[in-house]
Amino acid sequence: MRIAFLIAGVIFVGLALIGAVLPVMPTTIFLILAAGSFARSSPRLEKWLLDHRTLGPPIRGWRENGAISPYGKAMAVGGMTVGYWLFHLTAEPTIAMALVVLTVLGACAAFVLSRPNA
């Protein structure tokens, strides 16, 4: 099982690095998943990730305080807003479906905004 977590951690770091370059893909969630995977497989890689100058602060902020940076909050809520707008324009949902999706995204946005600032 340890090797599976190690492989997952490496994959998550790779996805996070891709997300750092592509604006449509998240970075921080993959870093958090990588840190969790490394915690179960390689304390050395977990320490490297947490101590990394660029990648470490968002992970430490989440682990220690459940915190998200103001930039991260803006990007998350902005992405949800654009996603809902595109869904509404392209899927032509019924009013009920539009309200369900809006409610779920609203709850997610409320959660993100309720987190302390990192």
PDB file of N, CA and C in Angstrom:
ATOM      1  N   MET A   1       0.834  -1.199   0.000  1.00  0.00           N
ATOM      2  CA  MET A   1       0.000   0.000   0.000  1.00  0.00           C
ATOM      3  C   MET A   1       0.876   1.259   0.000  1.00  0.00           C
ATOM      4  N   ARG A   2       2.027   1.166   0.637  1.00  0.00           N
ATOM      5  CA  ARG A   2       2.922   2.314   0.708  1.00  0.00           C
ATOM      6  C   ARG A   2       3.354   2.777  -0.683  1.00  0.00           C
ATOM      7  N   ILE A   3       3.659   1.818  -1.551  1.00  0.00           N
ATOM      8  CA  ILE A   3       4.081   2.156  -2.909  1.00  0.00           C
ATOM      9  C   ILE A   3       2.951   2.820  -3.688  1.00  0.00           C
ATOM     10  N   ALA A   4       1.711   2.416  -3.439  1.00  0.00           N
ATOM     11  CA  ALA A   4       0.564   3.038  -4.117  1.00  0.00           C
ATOM     12  C   ALA A   4       0.436   4.505  -3.704  1.00  0.00           C
ATOM     13  N   PHE A   5       0.624   4.791  -2.424  1.00  0.00           N
ATOM     14  CA  PHE A   5       0.571   6.181  -1.967  1.00  0.00           C
ATOM     15  C   PHE A   5       1.737   6.989  -2.532  1.00  0.00           C
ATOM     16  N   LEU A   6       2.894   6.375  -2.643  1.00  0.00           N
ATOM     17  CA  LEU A   6       4.047   7.063  -3.217  1.00  0.00           C
ATOM     18  C   LEU A   6       3.784   7.417  -4.678  1.00  0.00           C
ATOM     19  N   ILE A   7       3.280   6.470  -5.438  1.00  0.00           N
ATOM     20  CA  ILE A   7       2.964   6.722  -6.849  1.00  0.00           C
ATOM     21  C   ILE A   7       1.881   7.797  -6.965  1.00  0.00           C
ATOM     22  N   ALA A   8       0.860   7.690  -6.123  1.00  0.00           N
ATOM     23  CA  ALA A   8      -0.206   8.704  -6.147  1.00  0.00           C
ATOM     24  C   ALA A   8       0.365  10.085  -5.834  1.00  0.00           C
ATOM     25  N   GLY A   9       1.255  10.176  -4.853  1.00  0.00           N
ATOM     26  CA  GLY A   9       1.862  11.456  -4.495  1.00  0.00           C
ATOM     27  C   GLY A   9       2.625  12.069  -5.654  1.00  0.00           C
ATOM     28  N   VAL A  10       3.397  11.245  -6.351  1.00  0.00           N
ATOM     29  CA  VAL A  10       4.161  11.743  -7.505  1.00  0.00           C
ATOM     30  C   VAL A  10       3.211  12.218  -8.605  1.00  0.00           C
ATOM     31  N   ILE A  11       2.154  11.455  -8.847  1.00  0.00           N
ATOM     32  CA  ILE A  11       1.164  11.862  -9.860  1.00  0.00           C
ATOM     33  C   ILE A  11       0.503  13.170  -9.460  1.00  0.00           C
ATOM     34  N   PHE A  12       0.136  13.311  -8.175  1.00  0.00           N
ATOM     35  CA  PHE A  12      -0.497  14.543  -7.716  1.00  0.00           C
ATOM     36  C   PHE A  12       0.437  15.744  -7.854  1.00  0.00           C
ATOM     37  N   VAL A  13       1.719  15.564  -7.559  1.00  0.00           N
ATOM     38  CA  VAL A  13       2.669  16.673  -7.753  1.00  0.00           C
ATOM     39  C   VAL A  13       2.725  17.041  -9.227  1.00  0.00           C
ATOM     40  N   GLY A  14       2.765  16.050 -10.097  1.00  0.00           N
ATOM     41  CA  GLY A  14       2.775  16.325 -11.543  1.00  0.00           C
ATOM     42  C   GLY A  14       1.537  17.090 -11.981  1.00  0.00           C
ATOM     43  N   LEU A  15       0.365  16.666 -11.481  1.00  0.00           N
ATOM     44  CA  LEU A  15      -0.875  17.377 -11.827  1.00  0.00           C
ATOM     45  C   LEU A  15      -0.865  18.801 -11.274  1.00  0.00           C
ATOM     46  N   ALA A  16      -0.302  18.977 -10.080  1.00  0.00           N
ATOM     47  CA  ALA A  16      -0.215  20.320  -9.503  1.00  0.00           C
ATOM     48  C   ALA A  16       0.677  21.217 -10.352  1.00  0.00           C
ATOM     49  N   LEU A  17       1.784  20.682 -10.830  1.00  0.00           N
ATOM     50  CA  LEU A  17       2.675  21.482 -11.673  1.00  0.00           C
ATOM     51  C   LEU A  17       2.010  21.846 -12.994  1.00  0.00           C
ATOM     52  N   ILE A  18       1.245  20.911 -13.552  1.00  0.00           N
ATOM     53  CA  ILE A  18       0.473  21.238 -14.763  1.00  0.00           C
ATOM     54  C   ILE A  18      -0.546  22.327 -14.435  1.00  0.00           C
ATOM     55  N   GLY A  19      -1.211  22.208 -13.280  1.00  0.00           N
ATOM     56  CA  GLY A  19      -2.188  23.208 -12.857  1.00  0.00           C
ATOM     57  C   GLY A  19      -1.587  24.576 -12.620  1.00  0.00           C
ATOM     58  N   ALA A  20      -0.309  24.616 -12.260  1.00  0.00           N
ATOM     59  CA  ALA A  20       0.351  25.901 -12.068  1.00  0.00           C
ATOM     60  C   ALA A  20       0.538  26.634 -13.393  1.00  0.00           C
ATOM     61  N   VAL A  21       0.562  25.881 -14.483  1.00  0.00           N
ATOM     62  CA  VAL A  21       0.766  26.472 -15.803  1.00  0.00           C
ATOM     63  C   VAL A  21      -0.560  26.723 -16.523  1.00  0.00           C
ATOM     64  N   LEU A  22      -1.497  25.793 -16.360  1.00  0.00           N
ATOM     65  CA  LEU A  22      -2.789  25.911 -17.041  1.00  0.00           C
ATOM     66  C   LEU A  22      -3.823  26.544 -16.109  1.00  0.00           C
ATOM     67  N   PRO A  23      -4.413  27.645 -16.496  1.00  0.00           N
ATOM     68  CA  PRO A  23      -5.360  28.325 -15.609  1.00  0.00           C
ATOM     69  C   PRO A  23      -6.665  27.569 -15.374  1.00  0.00           C
ATOM     70  N   VAL A  24      -6.968  26.561 -16.197  1.00  0.00           N
ATOM     71  CA  VAL A  24      -8.232  25.838 -16.037  1.00  0.00           C
ATOM     72  C   VAL A  24      -8.113  24.662 -15.077  1.00  0.00           C
ATOM     73  N   MET A  25      -6.928  24.434 -14.545  1.00  0.00           N
ATOM     74  CA  MET A  25      -6.717  23.281 -13.670  1.00  0.00           C
ATOM     75  C   MET A  25      -6.188  23.759 -12.317  1.00  0.00           C
ATOM     76  N   PRO A  26      -6.723  23.244 -11.212  1.00  0.00           N
ATOM     77  CA  PRO A  26      -6.275  23.704  -9.899  1.00  0.00           C
ATOM     78  C   PRO A  26      -4.881  23.180  -9.556  1.00  0.00           C
ATOM     79  N   THR A  27      -4.224  23.857  -8.639  1.00  0.00           N
ATOM     80  CA  THR A  27      -2.895  23.454  -8.178  1.00  0.00           C
ATOM     81  C   THR A  27      -2.933  22.979  -6.735  1.00  0.00           C
ATOM     82  N   THR A  28      -3.508  23.800  -5.874  1.00  0.00           N
ATOM     83  CA  THR A  28      -3.414  23.556  -4.436  1.00  0.00           C
ATOM     84  C   THR A  28      -4.032  22.237  -4.008  1.00  0.00           C
ATOM     85  N   ILE A  29      -5.173  21.873  -4.545  1.00  0.00           N
ATOM     86  CA  ILE A  29      -5.804  20.619  -4.117  1.00  0.00           C
ATOM     87  C   ILE A  29      -4.911  19.430  -4.432  1.00  0.00           C
ATOM     88  N   PHE A  30      -4.204  19.467  -5.559  1.00  0.00           N
ATOM     89  CA  PHE A  30      -3.299  18.372  -5.899  1.00  0.00           C
ATOM     90  C   PHE A  30      -2.083  18.366  -4.966  1.00  0.00           C
ATOM     91  N   LEU A  31      -1.641  19.546  -4.541  1.00  0.00           N
ATOM     92  CA  LEU A  31      -0.535  19.597  -3.579  1.00  0.00           C
ATOM     93  C   LEU A  31      -0.965  19.036  -2.226  1.00  0.00           C
ATOM     94  N   ILE A  32      -2.181  19.354  -1.809  1.00  0.00           N
ATOM     95  CA  ILE A  32      -2.697  18.825  -0.542  1.00  0.00           C
ATOM     96  C   ILE A  32      -2.812  17.304  -0.624  1.00  0.00           C
ATOM     97  N   LEU A  33      -3.319  16.803  -1.743  1.00  0.00           N
ATOM     98  CA  LEU A  33      -3.421  15.353  -1.932  1.00  0.00           C
ATOM     99  C   LEU A  33      -2.034  14.703  -1.980  1.00  0.00           C
ATOM    100  N   ALA A  34      -1.075  15.364  -2.614  1.00  0.00           N
ATOM    101  CA  ALA A  34       0.291  14.827  -2.664  1.00  0.00           C
ATOM    102  C   ALA A  34       0.888  14.762  -1.264  1.00  0.00           C
ATOM    103  N   ALA A  35       0.704  15.811  -0.478  1.00  0.00           N
ATOM    104  CA  ALA A  35       1.246  15.818   0.883  1.00  0.00           C
ATOM    105  C   ALA A  35       0.629  14.701   1.718  1.00  0.00           C
ATOM    106  N   GLY A  36      -0.674  14.504   1.574  1.00  0.00           N
ATOM    107  CA  GLY A  36      -1.332  13.409   2.288  1.00  0.00           C
ATOM    108  C   GLY A  36      -0.814  12.045   1.846  1.00  0.00           C
ATOM    109  N   SER A  37      -0.587  11.902   0.554  1.00  0.00           N
ATOM    110  CA  SER A  37      -0.050  10.632   0.037  1.00  0.00           C
ATOM    111  C   SER A  37       1.372  10.406   0.529  1.00  0.00           C
ATOM    112  N   PHE A  38       2.190  11.448   0.503  1.00  0.00           N
ATOM    113  CA  PHE A  38       3.567  11.319   0.974  1.00  0.00           C
ATOM    114  C   PHE A  38       3.623  11.081   2.481  1.00  0.00           C
ATOM    115  N   ALA A  39       2.657  11.621   3.223  1.00  0.00           N
ATOM    116  CA  ALA A  39       2.622  11.385   4.677  1.00  0.00           C
ATOM    117  C   ALA A  39       2.459   9.895   4.963  1.00  0.00           C
ATOM    118  N   ARG A  40       1.815   9.169   4.061  1.00  0.00           N
ATOM    119  CA  ARG A  40       1.581   7.733   4.250  1.00  0.00           C
ATOM    120  C   ARG A  40       2.642   6.863   3.572  1.00  0.00           C
ATOM    121  N   SER A  41       3.544   7.498   2.811  1.00  0.00           N
ATOM    122  CA  SER A  41       4.493   6.684   2.058  1.00  0.00           C
ATOM    123  C   SER A  41       5.946   7.121   2.214  1.00  0.00           C
ATOM    124  N   SER A  42       6.197   8.418   2.298  1.00  0.00           N
ATOM    125  CA  SER A  42       7.575   8.900   2.314  1.00  0.00           C
ATOM    126  C   SER A  42       7.681  10.196   3.116  1.00  0.00           C
ATOM    127  N   PRO A  43       8.038  10.091   4.393  1.00  0.00           N
ATOM    128  CA  PRO A  43       8.205  11.309   5.192  1.00  0.00           C
ATOM    129  C   PRO A  43       9.220  12.285   4.584  1.00  0.00           C
ATOM    130  N   ARG A  44      10.224  11.756   3.893  1.00  0.00           N
ATOM    131  CA  ARG A  44      11.230  12.619   3.263  1.00  0.00           C
ATOM    132  C   ARG A  44      10.590  13.476   2.168  1.00  0.00           C
ATOM    133  N   LEU A  45       9.760  12.877   1.317  1.00  0.00           N
ATOM    134  CA  LEU A  45       9.095  13.644   0.262  1.00  0.00           C
ATOM    135  C   LEU A  45       8.039  14.583   0.838  1.00  0.00           C
ATOM    136  N   GLU A  46       7.359  14.154   1.893  1.00  0.00           N
ATOM    137  CA  GLU A  46       6.393  15.046   2.555  1.00  0.00           C
ATOM    138  C   GLU A  46       7.110  16.288   3.078  1.00  0.00           C
ATOM    139  N   LYS A  47       8.246  16.088   3.744  1.00  0.00           N
ATOM    140  CA  LYS A  47       9.022  17.218   4.278  1.00  0.00           C
ATOM    141  C   LYS A  47       9.498  18.121   3.151  1.00  0.00           C
ATOM    142  N   TRP A  48       9.970  17.502   2.044  1.00  0.00           N
ATOM    143  CA  TRP A  48      10.414  18.301   0.907  1.00  0.00           C
ATOM    144  C   TRP A  48       9.280  19.179   0.393  1.00  0.00           C
ATOM    145  N   LEU A  49       8.100  18.595   0.258  1.00  0.00           N
ATOM    146  CA  LEU A  49       6.958  19.330  -0.266  1.00  0.00           C
ATOM    147  C   LEU A  49       6.540  20.448   0.685  1.00  0.00           C
ATOM    148  N   LEU A  50       6.469  20.146   1.979  1.00  0.00           N
ATOM    149  CA  LEU A  50       6.056  21.158   2.962  1.00  0.00           C
ATOM    150  C   LEU A  50       7.078  22.277   3.099  1.00  0.00           C
ATOM    151  N   ASP A  51       8.362  21.954   2.914  1.00  0.00           N
ATOM    152  CA  ASP A  51       9.422  22.957   3.051  1.00  0.00           C
ATOM    153  C   ASP A  51       9.727  23.686   1.752  1.00  0.00           C
ATOM    154  N   HIS A  52       9.117  23.282   0.649  1.00  0.00           N
ATOM    155  CA  HIS A  52       9.366  23.920  -0.647  1.00  0.00           C
ATOM    156  C   HIS A  52       8.954  25.386  -0.582  1.00  0.00           C
ATOM    157  N   ARG A  53       9.810  26.246  -1.097  1.00  0.00           N
ATOM    158  CA  ARG A  53       9.584  27.688  -1.012  1.00  0.00           C
ATOM    159  C   ARG A  53       8.291  28.136  -1.681  1.00  0.00           C
ATOM    160  N   THR A  54       7.963  27.553  -2.817  1.00  0.00           N
ATOM    161  CA  THR A  54       6.783  27.959  -3.565  1.00  0.00           C
ATOM    162  C   THR A  54       5.576  27.075  -3.287  1.00  0.00           C
ATOM    163  N   LEU A  55       5.786  25.774  -3.266  1.00  0.00           N
ATOM    164  CA  LEU A  55       4.671  24.838  -3.141  1.00  0.00           C
ATOM    165  C   LEU A  55       4.212  24.629  -1.694  1.00  0.00           C
ATOM    166  N   GLY A  56       5.100  24.848  -0.736  1.00  0.00           N
ATOM    167  CA  GLY A  56       4.803  24.542   0.656  1.00  0.00           C
ATOM    168  C   GLY A  56       3.778  25.436   1.352  1.00  0.00           C
ATOM    169  N   PRO A  57       3.818  26.764   1.180  1.00  0.00           N
ATOM    170  CA  PRO A  57       2.914  27.631   1.955  1.00  0.00           C
ATOM    171  C   PRO A  57       1.420  27.313   1.840  1.00  0.00           C
ATOM    172  N   PRO A  58       0.870  27.047   0.641  1.00  0.00           N
ATOM    173  CA  PRO A  58      -0.569  26.744   0.619  1.00  0.00           C
ATOM    174  C   PRO A  58      -0.915  25.444   1.341  1.00  0.00           C
ATOM    175  N   ILE A  59      -0.003  24.471   1.287  1.00  0.00           N
ATOM    176  CA  ILE A  59      -0.262  23.196   1.963  1.00  0.00           C
ATOM    177  C   ILE A  59      -0.217  23.397   3.474  1.00  0.00           C
ATOM    178  N   ARG A  60       0.816  24.089   3.942  1.00  0.00           N
ATOM    179  CA  ARG A  60       0.926  24.342   5.389  1.00  0.00           C
ATOM    180  C   ARG A  60      -0.250  25.166   5.886  1.00  0.00           C
ATOM    181  N   GLY A  61      -0.669  26.172   5.121  1.00  0.00           N
ATOM    182  CA  GLY A  61      -1.809  26.995   5.522  1.00  0.00           C
ATOM    183  C   GLY A  61      -3.072  26.166   5.674  1.00  0.00           C
ATOM    184  N   TRP A  62      -3.295  25.242   4.747  1.00  0.00           N
ATOM    185  CA  TRP A  62      -4.481  24.392   4.817  1.00  0.00           C
ATOM    186  C   TRP A  62      -4.380  23.430   5.993  1.00  0.00           C
ATOM    187  N   ARG A  63      -3.225  22.803   6.147  1.00  0.00           N
ATOM    188  CA  ARG A  63      -3.054  21.819   7.226  1.00  0.00           C
ATOM    189  C   ARG A  63      -3.165  22.452   8.612  1.00  0.00           C
ATOM    190  N   GLU A  64      -2.576  23.612   8.775  1.00  0.00           N
ATOM    191  CA  GLU A  64      -2.521  24.222  10.106  1.00  0.00           C
ATOM    192  C   GLU A  64      -3.806  24.946  10.480  1.00  0.00           C
ATOM    193  N   ASN A  65      -4.435  25.615   9.536  1.00  0.00           N
ATOM    194  CA  ASN A  65      -5.583  26.465   9.862  1.00  0.00           C
ATOM    195  C   ASN A  65      -6.792  26.275   8.959  1.00  0.00           C
ATOM    196  N   GLY A  66      -6.700  25.381   7.986  1.00  0.00           N
ATOM    197  CA  GLY A  66      -7.771  25.270   7.008  1.00  0.00           C
ATOM    198  C   GLY A  66      -7.887  26.547   6.189  1.00  0.00           C
ATOM    199  N   ALA A  67      -6.744  27.221   5.993  1.00  0.00           N
ATOM    200  CA  ALA A  67      -6.730  28.540   5.373  1.00  0.00           C
ATOM    201  C   ALA A  67      -6.511  28.465   3.861  1.00  0.00           C
ATOM    202  N   ILE A  68      -7.092  29.432   3.168  1.00  0.00           N
ATOM    203  CA  ILE A  68      -6.936  29.582   1.723  1.00  0.00           C
ATOM    204  C   ILE A  68      -6.539  31.036   1.477  1.00  0.00           C
ATOM    205  N   SER A  69      -5.589  31.243   0.576  1.00  0.00           N
ATOM    206  CA  SER A  69      -5.148  32.610   0.285  1.00  0.00           C
ATOM    207  C   SER A  69      -6.281  33.402  -0.371  1.00  0.00           C
ATOM    208  N   PRO A  70      -6.279  34.725  -0.195  1.00  0.00           N
ATOM    209  CA  PRO A  70      -7.299  35.537  -0.873  1.00  0.00           C
ATOM    210  C   PRO A  70      -7.275  35.342  -2.392  1.00  0.00           C
ATOM    211  N   TYR A  71      -6.100  35.195  -2.966  1.00  0.00           N
ATOM    212  CA  TYR A  71      -5.998  34.937  -4.401  1.00  0.00           C
ATOM    213  C   TYR A  71      -6.652  33.599  -4.749  1.00  0.00           C
ATOM    214  N   GLY A  72      -6.391  32.587  -3.947  1.00  0.00           N
ATOM    215  CA  GLY A  72      -6.990  31.278  -4.167  1.00  0.00           C
ATOM    216  C   GLY A  72      -8.504  31.325  -4.059  1.00  0.00           C
ATOM    217  N   LYS A  73      -8.991  32.085  -3.091  1.00  0.00           N
ATOM    218  CA  LYS A  73     -10.445  32.236  -2.940  1.00  0.00           C
ATOM    219  C   LYS A  73     -11.044  32.912  -4.172  1.00  0.00           C
ATOM    220  N   ALA A  74     -10.388  33.971  -4.620  1.00  0.00           N
ATOM    221  CA  ALA A  74     -10.900  34.702  -5.785  1.00  0.00           C
ATOM    222  C   ALA A  74     -10.904  33.810  -7.024  1.00  0.00           C
ATOM    223  N   MET A  75      -9.837  33.039  -7.205  1.00  0.00           N
ATOM    224  CA  MET A  75      -9.771  32.153  -8.365  1.00  0.00           C
ATOM    225  C   MET A  75     -10.829  31.051  -8.283  1.00  0.00           C
ATOM    226  N   ALA A  76     -11.033  30.501  -7.087  1.00  0.00           N
ATOM    227  CA  ALA A  76     -12.020  29.424  -6.929  1.00  0.00           C
ATOM    228  C   ALA A  76     -13.436  29.932  -7.186  1.00  0.00           C
ATOM    229  N   VAL A  77     -13.782  31.032  -6.559  1.00  0.00           N
ATOM    230  CA  VAL A  77     -15.139  31.564  -6.730  1.00  0.00           C
ATOM    231  C   VAL A  77     -15.324  32.092  -8.151  1.00  0.00           C
ATOM    232  N   GLY A  78     -14.294  32.711  -8.697  1.00  0.00           N
ATOM    233  CA  GLY A  78     -14.365  33.170 -10.083  1.00  0.00           C
ATOM    234  C   GLY A  78     -14.547  32.013 -11.049  1.00  0.00           C
ATOM    235  N   GLY A  79     -13.829  30.918 -10.805  1.00  0.00           N
ATOM    236  CA  GLY A  79     -13.972  29.727 -11.648  1.00  0.00           C
ATOM    237  C   GLY A  79     -15.366  29.133 -11.555  1.00  0.00           C
ATOM    238  N   MET A  80     -15.927  29.128 -10.346  1.00  0.00           N
ATOM    239  CA  MET A  80     -17.293  28.621 -10.184  1.00  0.00           C
ATOM    240  C   MET A  80     -18.288  29.510 -10.923  1.00  0.00           C
ATOM    241  N   THR A  81     -18.059  30.809 -10.852  1.00  0.00           N
ATOM    242  CA  THR A  81     -18.955  31.752 -11.519  1.00  0.00           C
ATOM    243  C   THR A  81     -18.907  31.569 -13.028  1.00  0.00           C
ATOM    244  N   VAL A  82     -17.713  31.503 -13.581  1.00  0.00           N
ATOM    245  CA  VAL A  82     -17.563  31.294 -15.026  1.00  0.00           C
ATOM    246  C   VAL A  82     -18.130  29.934 -15.418  1.00  0.00           C
ATOM    247  N   GLY A  83     -17.855  28.914 -14.607  1.00  0.00           N
ATOM    248  CA  GLY A  83     -18.379  27.575 -14.893  1.00  0.00           C
ATOM    249  C   GLY A  83     -19.897  27.542 -14.920  1.00  0.00           C
ATOM    250  N   TYR A  84     -20.512  28.230 -13.959  1.00  0.00           N
ATOM    251  CA  TYR A  84     -21.978  28.261 -13.938  1.00  0.00           C
ATOM    252  C   TYR A  84     -22.513  29.010 -15.159  1.00  0.00           C
ATOM    253  N   TRP A  85     -21.877  30.118 -15.485  1.00  0.00           N
ATOM    254  CA  TRP A  85     -22.297  30.922 -16.634  1.00  0.00           C
ATOM    255  C   TRP A  85     -22.214  30.090 -17.921  1.00  0.00           C
ATOM    256  N   LEU A  86     -21.111  29.371 -18.092  1.00  0.00           N
ATOM    257  CA  LEU A  86     -20.960  28.525 -19.283  1.00  0.00           C
ATOM    258  C   LEU A  86     -21.980  27.381 -19.286  1.00  0.00           C
ATOM    259  N   PHE A  87     -22.202  26.787 -18.116  1.00  0.00           N
ATOM    260  CA  PHE A  87     -23.211  25.729 -17.999  1.00  0.00           C
ATOM    261  C   PHE A  87     -24.579  26.262 -18.414  1.00  0.00           C
ATOM    262  N   HIS A  88     -24.910  27.440 -17.905  1.00  0.00           N
ATOM    263  CA  HIS A  88     -26.216  28.014 -18.183  1.00  0.00           C
ATOM    264  C   HIS A  88     -26.385  28.344 -19.669  1.00  0.00           C
ATOM    265  N   LEU A  89     -25.328  28.826 -20.300  1.00  0.00           N
ATOM    266  CA  LEU A  89     -25.402  29.198 -21.717  1.00  0.00           C
ATOM    267  C   LEU A  89     -25.388  27.988 -22.655  1.00  0.00           C
ATOM    268  N   THR A  90     -24.611  26.979 -22.316  1.00  0.00           N
ATOM    269  CA  THR A  90     -24.439  25.873 -23.262  1.00  0.00           C
ATOM    270  C   THR A  90     -25.390  24.703 -23.029  1.00  0.00           C
ATOM    271  N   ALA A  91     -25.774  24.452 -21.790  1.00  0.00           N
ATOM    272  CA  ALA A  91     -26.613  23.283 -21.506  1.00  0.00           C
ATOM    273  C   ALA A  91     -28.102  23.598 -21.597  1.00  0.00           C
ATOM    274  N   GLU A  92     -28.439  24.861 -21.559  1.00  0.00           N
ATOM    275  CA  GLU A  92     -29.845  25.277 -21.547  1.00  0.00           C
ATOM    276  C   GLU A  92     -30.643  24.448 -20.537  1.00  0.00           C
ATOM    277  N   PRO A  93     -30.245  24.525 -19.257  1.00  0.00           N
ATOM    278  CA  PRO A  93     -30.898  23.686 -18.246  1.00  0.00           C
ATOM    279  C   PRO A  93     -32.317  24.154 -17.927  1.00  0.00           C
ATOM    280  N   THR A  94     -33.076  23.234 -17.378  1.00  0.00           N
ATOM    281  CA  THR A  94     -34.390  23.623 -16.858  1.00  0.00           C
ATOM    282  C   THR A  94     -34.155  24.513 -15.643  1.00  0.00           C
ATOM    283  N   ILE A  95     -35.185  25.215 -15.228  1.00  0.00           N
ATOM    284  CA  ILE A  95     -35.045  26.088 -14.063  1.00  0.00           C
ATOM    285  C   ILE A  95     -34.650  25.273 -12.836  1.00  0.00           C
ATOM    286  N   ALA A  96     -35.251  24.106 -12.675  1.00  0.00           N
ATOM    287  CA  ALA A  96     -34.934  23.257 -11.519  1.00  0.00           C
ATOM    288  C   ALA A  96     -33.457  22.848 -11.531  1.00  0.00           C
ATOM    289  N   MET A  97     -32.966  22.411 -12.690  1.00  0.00           N
ATOM    290  CA  MET A  97     -31.558  21.997 -12.783  1.00  0.00           C
ATOM    291  C   MET A  97     -30.628  23.182 -12.552  1.00  0.00           C
ATOM    292  N   ALA A  98     -30.967  24.324 -13.116  1.00  0.00           N
ATOM    293  CA  ALA A  98     -30.147  25.518 -12.914  1.00  0.00           C
ATOM    294  C   ALA A  98     -30.083  25.887 -11.431  1.00  0.00           C
ATOM    295  N   LEU A  99     -31.202  25.750 -10.738  1.00  0.00           N
ATOM    296  CA  LEU A  99     -31.226  26.068  -9.304  1.00  0.00           C
ATOM    297  C   LEU A  99     -30.435  25.059  -8.484  1.00  0.00           C
ATOM    298  N   VAL A 100     -30.495  23.792  -8.860  1.00  0.00           N
ATOM    299  CA  VAL A 100     -29.709  22.772  -8.153  1.00  0.00           C
ATOM    300  C   VAL A 100     -28.221  23.062  -8.306  1.00  0.00           C
ATOM    301  N   VAL A 101     -27.782  23.300  -9.532  1.00  0.00           N
ATOM    302  CA  VAL A 101     -26.368  23.579  -9.782  1.00  0.00           C
ATOM    303  C   VAL A 101     -25.954  24.874  -9.079  1.00  0.00           C
ATOM    304  N   LEU A 102     -26.789  25.889  -9.150  1.00  0.00           N
ATOM    305  CA  LEU A 102     -26.495  27.154  -8.476  1.00  0.00           C
ATOM    306  C   LEU A 102     -26.390  26.962  -6.967  1.00  0.00           C
ATOM    307  N   THR A 103     -27.262  26.146  -6.392  1.00  0.00           N
ATOM    308  CA  THR A 103     -27.229  25.889  -4.952  1.00  0.00           C
ATOM    309  C   THR A 103     -25.948  25.160  -4.546  1.00  0.00           C
ATOM    310  N   VAL A 104     -25.562  24.149  -5.308  1.00  0.00           N
ATOM    311  CA  VAL A 104     -24.333  23.405  -5.000  1.00  0.00           C
ATOM    312  C   VAL A 104     -23.115  24.312  -5.124  1.00  0.00           C
ATOM    313  N   LEU A 105     -23.035  25.058  -6.214  1.00  0.00           N
ATOM    314  CA  LEU A 105     -21.901  25.969  -6.384  1.00  0.00           C
ATOM    315  C   LEU A 105     -21.903  27.068  -5.325  1.00  0.00           C
ATOM    316  N   GLY A 106     -23.082  27.548  -4.974  1.00  0.00           N
ATOM    317  CA  GLY A 106     -23.176  28.559  -3.916  1.00  0.00           C
ATOM    318  C   GLY A 106     -22.685  28.026  -2.584  1.00  0.00           C
ATOM    319  N   ALA A 107     -23.039  26.777  -2.269  1.00  0.00           N
ATOM    320  CA  ALA A 107     -22.560  26.171  -1.023  1.00  0.00           C
ATOM    321  C   ALA A 107     -21.041  25.997  -1.055  1.00  0.00           C
ATOM    322  N   CYS A 108     -20.516  25.587  -2.190  1.00  0.00           N
ATOM    323  CA  CYS A 108     -19.056  25.445  -2.326  1.00  0.00           C
ATOM    324  C   CYS A 108     -18.361  26.798  -2.189  1.00  0.00           C
ATOM    325  N   ALA A 109     -18.914  27.813  -2.824  1.00  0.00           N
ATOM    326  CA  ALA A 109     -18.337  29.156  -2.725  1.00  0.00           C
ATOM    327  C   ALA A 109     -18.404  29.670  -1.289  1.00  0.00           C
ATOM    328  N   ALA A 110     -19.505  29.413  -0.612  1.00  0.00           N
ATOM    329  CA  ALA A 110     -19.629  29.836   0.790  1.00  0.00           C
ATOM    330  C   ALA A 110     -18.578  29.156   1.653  1.00  0.00           C
ATOM    331  N   PHE A 111     -18.337  27.864   1.405  1.00  0.00           N
ATOM    332  CA  PHE A 111     -17.305  27.151   2.159  1.00  0.00           C
ATOM    333  C   PHE A 111     -15.938  27.769   1.914  1.00  0.00           C
ATOM    334  N   VAL A 112     -15.597  27.992   0.643  1.00  0.00           N
ATOM    335  CA  VAL A 112     -14.293  28.574   0.306  1.00  0.00           C
ATOM    336  C   VAL A 112     -14.138  29.939   0.971  1.00  0.00           C
ATOM    337  N   LEU A 113     -15.156  30.772   0.875  1.00  0.00           N
ATOM    338  CA  LEU A 113     -15.073  32.124   1.444  1.00  0.00           C
ATOM    339  C   LEU A 113     -15.073  32.124   2.967  1.00  0.00           C
ATOM    340  N   SER A 114     -15.580  31.060   3.583  1.00  0.00           N
ATOM    341  CA  SER A 114     -15.617  31.003   5.048  1.00  0.00           C
ATOM    342  C   SER A 114     -14.270  30.603   5.655  1.00  0.00           C
ATOM    343  N   ARG A 115     -13.354  30.097   4.841  1.00  0.00           N
ATOM    344  CA  ARG A 115     -12.045  29.682   5.347  1.00  0.00           C
ATOM    345  C   ARG A 115     -11.226  30.904   5.709  1.00  0.00           C
ATOM    346  N   PRO A 116     -10.379  30.794   6.740  1.00  0.00           N
ATOM    347  CA  PRO A 116      -9.511  31.928   7.073  1.00  0.00           C
ATOM    348  C   PRO A 116      -8.525  32.213   5.935  1.00  0.00           C
ATOM    349  N   ASN A 117      -8.054  33.441   5.888  1.00  0.00           N
ATOM    350  CA  ASN A 117      -7.056  33.811   4.881  1.00  0.00           C
ATOM    351  C   ASN A 117      -5.695  33.258   5.253  1.00  0.00           C
ATOM    352  N   ALA A 118      -5.003  32.726   4.254  1.00  0.00           N
ATOM    353  CA  ALA A 118      -3.652  32.192   4.475  1.00  0.00           C
ATOM    354  C   ALA A 118      -2.646  33.318   4.352  1.00  0.00           C
TER     355      ALA A 118
END
